[in-house]
Amino acid sequence: MTFPYDRERLNALVAEVDARLENVDKVSREASKVQLRSSGLSQADLAEINRAAHGPNAPRELRELARRVDAGEMSWQDIASGRAVDDPGVQAALATGVPDLQRAYTQLQEGNDPEDVVESGRPRRGGGDDDEPSSFTEDAW
């Protein structure tokens, strides 16, 4: 019985497989050096969420969610992990942030600097119009 490939072609195929396996080993070694990001939110992150939810600028839905967390119905960890995603109150609170997320996504797609996008989403202090100075001084005239 004769083999359908000649010896030269067979050797070339074996060399190709060996090279690919060597590359797999190399990529595997490199991948093992990569440090994975932390999964989930830290306690500091959850505390910041809680602080924002109790803040005066928090939407009504988020304040209601904070009240439920305070009452022990669920935790911020339950919400962050997705365990409470089916809860209507969680969905309502999360939906209040969707317009801001869409705005940020659009700005990033347009090539805006990420730090500028974050800053533009923060509420301004002082409550005045953007065109008006927040205070007047004699030298401003």
C-alpha atoms as a PDB file:
ATOM      1  CA  MET A   1       0.000   0.000   0.000  1.00  0.00           C
ATOM      2  CA  THR A   2       1.335   3.395  -0.873  1.00  0.00           C
ATOM      3  CA  PHE A   3       0.833   6.525   1.210  1.00  0.00           C
ATOM      4  CA  PRO A   4      -1.098   9.230  -0.716  1.00  0.00           C
ATOM      5  CA  TYR A   5       1.440  11.936   0.223  1.00  0.00           C
ATOM      6  CA  ASP A   6       5.032  11.976  -0.754  1.00  0.00           C
ATOM      7  CA  ARG A   7       7.608  12.095   2.015  1.00  0.00           C
ATOM      8  CA  GLU A   8       8.494  15.763   1.346  1.00  0.00           C
ATOM      9  CA  ARG A   9       4.858  16.883   1.662  1.00  0.00           C
ATOM     10  CA  LEU A  10       4.370  14.814   4.827  1.00  0.00           C
ATOM     11  CA  ASN A  11       7.480  16.339   6.412  1.00  0.00           C
ATOM     12  CA  ALA A  12       6.217  19.829   5.537  1.00  0.00           C
ATOM     13  CA  LEU A  13       2.855  19.109   7.194  1.00  0.00           C
ATOM     14  CA  VAL A  14       4.520  17.726  10.320  1.00  0.00           C
ATOM     15  CA  ALA A  15       6.782  20.799  10.495  1.00  0.00           C
ATOM     16  CA  GLU A  16       3.746  23.076  10.180  1.00  0.00           C
ATOM     17  CA  VAL A  17       1.947  21.266  13.012  1.00  0.00           C
ATOM     18  CA  ASP A  18       5.078  21.439  15.164  1.00  0.00           C
ATOM     19  CA  ALA A  19       5.412  25.184  14.518  1.00  0.00           C
ATOM     20  CA  ARG A  20       1.781  25.780  15.426  1.00  0.00           C
ATOM     21  CA  LEU A  21       2.106  23.764  18.624  1.00  0.00           C
ATOM     22  CA  GLU A  22       5.220  25.727  19.526  1.00  0.00           C
ATOM     23  CA  ASN A  23       3.277  28.951  18.956  1.00  0.00           C
ATOM     24  CA  VAL A  24       0.443  27.660  21.173  1.00  0.00           C
ATOM     25  CA  ASP A  25       2.973  26.977  23.937  1.00  0.00           C
ATOM     26  CA  LYS A  26       4.447  30.460  23.523  1.00  0.00           C
ATOM     27  CA  VAL A  27       1.035  32.157  23.645  1.00  0.00           C
ATOM     28  CA  SER A  28       0.070  30.032  26.643  1.00  0.00           C
ATOM     29  CA  ARG A  29       3.211  31.097  28.529  1.00  0.00           C
ATOM     30  CA  GLU A  30       2.544  34.757  27.704  1.00  0.00           C
ATOM     31  CA  ALA A  31      -1.112  34.473  28.721  1.00  0.00           C
ATOM     32  CA  SER A  32      -0.179  32.953  32.069  1.00  0.00           C
ATOM     33  CA  LYS A  33       1.797  36.122  32.845  1.00  0.00           C
ATOM     34  CA  VAL A  34      -1.235  38.358  32.364  1.00  0.00           C
ATOM     35  CA  GLN A  35      -2.772  39.535  35.611  1.00  0.00           C
ATOM     36  CA  LEU A  36      -6.524  39.374  35.542  1.00  0.00           C
ATOM     37  CA  ARG A  37      -8.556  42.324  36.734  1.00  0.00           C
ATOM     38  CA  SER A  38     -10.509  41.987  39.883  1.00  0.00           C
ATOM     39  CA  SER A  39     -13.957  40.568  39.326  1.00  0.00           C
ATOM     40  CA  GLY A  40     -16.720  42.556  40.869  1.00  0.00           C
ATOM     41  CA  LEU A  41     -16.686  45.747  42.836  1.00  0.00           C
ATOM     42  CA  SER A  42     -14.598  46.479  45.899  1.00  0.00           C
ATOM     43  CA  GLN A  43     -16.074  47.475  49.234  1.00  0.00           C
ATOM     44  CA  ALA A  44     -14.925  51.028  48.502  1.00  0.00           C
ATOM     45  CA  ASP A  45     -16.815  50.943  45.184  1.00  0.00           C
ATOM     46  CA  LEU A  46     -19.971  49.716  46.924  1.00  0.00           C
ATOM     47  CA  ALA A  47     -19.611  52.412  49.588  1.00  0.00           C
ATOM     48  CA  GLU A  48     -19.358  55.043  46.840  1.00  0.00           C
ATOM     49  CA  ILE A  49     -22.506  53.684  45.182  1.00  0.00           C
ATOM     50  CA  ASN A  50     -24.290  53.830  48.530  1.00  0.00           C
ATOM     51  CA  ARG A  51     -23.096  57.411  49.107  1.00  0.00           C
ATOM     52  CA  ALA A  52     -24.286  58.491  45.649  1.00  0.00           C
ATOM     53  CA  ALA A  53     -27.640  56.751  46.117  1.00  0.00           C
ATOM     54  CA  HIS A  54     -28.218  58.717  49.313  1.00  0.00           C
ATOM     55  CA  GLY A  55     -27.041  61.979  47.750  1.00  0.00           C
ATOM     56  CA  PRO A  56     -29.315  64.917  46.993  1.00  0.00           C
ATOM     57  CA  ASN A  57     -28.792  64.545  43.224  1.00  0.00           C
ATOM     58  CA  ALA A  58     -29.739  60.854  43.154  1.00  0.00           C
ATOM     59  CA  PRO A  59     -32.811  60.041  41.064  1.00  0.00           C
ATOM     60  CA  ARG A  60     -35.927  59.057  42.994  1.00  0.00           C
ATOM     61  CA  GLU A  61     -35.628  55.442  41.774  1.00  0.00           C
ATOM     62  CA  LEU A  62     -32.076  55.155  43.073  1.00  0.00           C
ATOM     63  CA  ARG A  63     -33.020  56.681  46.442  1.00  0.00           C
ATOM     64  CA  GLU A  64     -35.848  54.127  46.701  1.00  0.00           C
ATOM     65  CA  LEU A  65     -33.376  51.354  45.945  1.00  0.00           C
ATOM     66  CA  ALA A  66     -31.056  52.708  48.651  1.00  0.00           C
ATOM     67  CA  ARG A  67     -33.977  52.635  51.095  1.00  0.00           C
ATOM     68  CA  ARG A  68     -34.558  48.966  50.267  1.00  0.00           C
ATOM     69  CA  VAL A  69     -30.851  48.181  50.704  1.00  0.00           C
ATOM     70  CA  ASP A  70     -30.908  49.970  54.074  1.00  0.00           C
ATOM     71  CA  ALA A  71     -33.961  47.888  55.048  1.00  0.00           C
ATOM     72  CA  GLY A  72     -32.045  44.690  54.265  1.00  0.00           C
ATOM     73  CA  GLU A  73     -34.190  43.567  51.329  1.00  0.00           C
ATOM     74  CA  MET A  74     -31.047  43.233  49.214  1.00  0.00           C
ATOM     75  CA  SER A  75     -27.447  44.432  49.183  1.00  0.00           C
ATOM     76  CA  TRP A  76     -25.460  46.567  46.774  1.00  0.00           C
ATOM     77  CA  GLN A  77     -23.434  43.406  46.123  1.00  0.00           C
ATOM     78  CA  ASP A  78     -26.651  41.614  45.063  1.00  0.00           C
ATOM     79  CA  ILE A  79     -27.344  44.433  42.625  1.00  0.00           C
ATOM     80  CA  ALA A  80     -23.777  44.710  41.313  1.00  0.00           C
ATOM     81  CA  SER A  81     -23.437  40.965  40.785  1.00  0.00           C
ATOM     82  CA  GLY A  82     -26.706  40.745  38.855  1.00  0.00           C
ATOM     83  CA  ARG A  83     -28.486  38.542  41.401  1.00  0.00           C
ATOM     84  CA  ALA A  84     -31.203  41.209  41.735  1.00  0.00           C
ATOM     85  CA  VAL A  85     -31.439  42.094  38.047  1.00  0.00           C
ATOM     86  CA  ASP A  86     -35.024  40.813  37.743  1.00  0.00           C
ATOM     87  CA  ASP A  87     -36.272  43.099  40.508  1.00  0.00           C
ATOM     88  CA  PRO A  88     -38.458  45.886  39.036  1.00  0.00           C
ATOM     89  CA  GLY A  89     -37.004  48.453  41.461  1.00  0.00           C
ATOM     90  CA  VAL A  90     -33.450  47.574  40.395  1.00  0.00           C
ATOM     91  CA  GLN A  91     -34.435  47.834  36.739  1.00  0.00           C
ATOM     92  CA  ALA A  92     -36.088  51.213  37.296  1.00  0.00           C
ATOM     93  CA  ALA A  93     -33.053  52.564  39.150  1.00  0.00           C
ATOM     94  CA  LEU A  94     -30.626  51.308  36.530  1.00  0.00           C
ATOM     95  CA  ALA A  95     -32.765  52.721  33.728  1.00  0.00           C
ATOM     96  CA  THR A  96     -32.310  56.236  35.119  1.00  0.00           C
ATOM     97  CA  GLY A  97     -28.632  56.064  34.128  1.00  0.00           C
ATOM     98  CA  VAL A  98     -29.182  54.796  30.576  1.00  0.00           C
ATOM     99  CA  PRO A  99     -29.371  58.260  28.953  1.00  0.00           C
ATOM    100  CA  ASP A 100     -26.069  59.223  30.596  1.00  0.00           C
ATOM    101  CA  LEU A 101     -24.467  55.990  29.428  1.00  0.00           C
ATOM    102  CA  GLN A 102     -25.731  56.562  25.887  1.00  0.00           C
ATOM    103  CA  ARG A 103     -24.351  60.122  25.952  1.00  0.00           C
ATOM    104  CA  ALA A 104     -20.971  58.902  27.188  1.00  0.00           C
ATOM    105  CA  TYR A 105     -20.856  56.107  24.609  1.00  0.00           C
ATOM    106  CA  THR A 106     -21.636  58.547  21.798  1.00  0.00           C
ATOM    107  CA  GLN A 107     -18.972  60.981  22.987  1.00  0.00           C
ATOM    108  CA  LEU A 108     -16.378  58.200  23.159  1.00  0.00           C
ATOM    109  CA  GLN A 109     -17.329  56.997  19.671  1.00  0.00           C
ATOM    110  CA  GLU A 110     -16.852  60.558  18.424  1.00  0.00           C
ATOM    111  CA  GLY A 111     -13.278  60.426  19.701  1.00  0.00           C
ATOM    112  CA  ASN A 112     -13.611  62.564  22.818  1.00  0.00           C
ATOM    113  CA  ASP A 113     -11.045  62.067  25.557  1.00  0.00           C
ATOM    114  CA  PRO A 114     -12.396  59.613  28.189  1.00  0.00           C
ATOM    115  CA  GLU A 115     -11.473  61.946  31.058  1.00  0.00           C
ATOM    116  CA  ASP A 116     -13.389  64.795  29.394  1.00  0.00           C
ATOM    117  CA  VAL A 117     -16.396  62.504  28.925  1.00  0.00           C
ATOM    118  CA  VAL A 118     -16.349  61.563  32.614  1.00  0.00           C
ATOM    119  CA  GLU A 119     -15.972  65.190  33.672  1.00  0.00           C
ATOM    120  CA  SER A 120     -18.858  66.288  31.438  1.00  0.00           C
ATOM    121  CA  GLY A 121     -21.120  63.806  33.199  1.00  0.00           C
ATOM    122  CA  ARG A 122     -20.422  65.161  36.666  1.00  0.00           C
ATOM    123  CA  PRO A 123     -22.902  67.654  38.065  1.00  0.00           C
ATOM    124  CA  ARG A 124     -21.567  71.198  38.261  1.00  0.00           C
ATOM    125  CA  ARG A 125     -21.206  72.844  41.622  1.00  0.00           C
ATOM    126  CA  GLY A 126     -22.743  76.241  42.204  1.00  0.00           C
ATOM    127  CA  GLY A 127     -25.896  75.686  40.151  1.00  0.00           C
ATOM    128  CA  GLY A 128     -25.387  78.742  37.906  1.00  0.00           C
ATOM    129  CA  ASP A 129     -25.689  78.990  34.144  1.00  0.00           C
ATOM    130  CA  ASP A 130     -22.604  78.046  32.162  1.00  0.00           C
ATOM    131  CA  ASP A 131     -22.552  81.495  30.527  1.00  0.00           C
ATOM    132  CA  GLU A 132     -22.677  83.349  33.805  1.00  0.00           C
ATOM    133  CA  PRO A 133     -19.806  83.583  36.293  1.00  0.00           C
ATOM    134  CA  SER A 134     -20.708  82.134  39.675  1.00  0.00           C
ATOM    135  CA  SER A 135     -19.476  85.241  41.481  1.00  0.00           C
ATOM    136  CA  PHE A 136     -18.548  88.752  40.491  1.00  0.00           C
ATOM    137  CA  THR A 137     -15.491  90.592  41.586  1.00  0.00           C
ATOM    138  CA  GLU A 138     -14.588  94.199  41.028  1.00  0.00           C
ATOM    139  CA  ASP A 139     -11.768  93.291  38.628  1.00  0.00           C
ATOM    140  CA  ALA A 140     -14.125  91.176  36.512  1.00  0.00           C
ATOM    141  CA  TRP A 141     -15.573  94.417  35.078  1.00  0.00           C
END
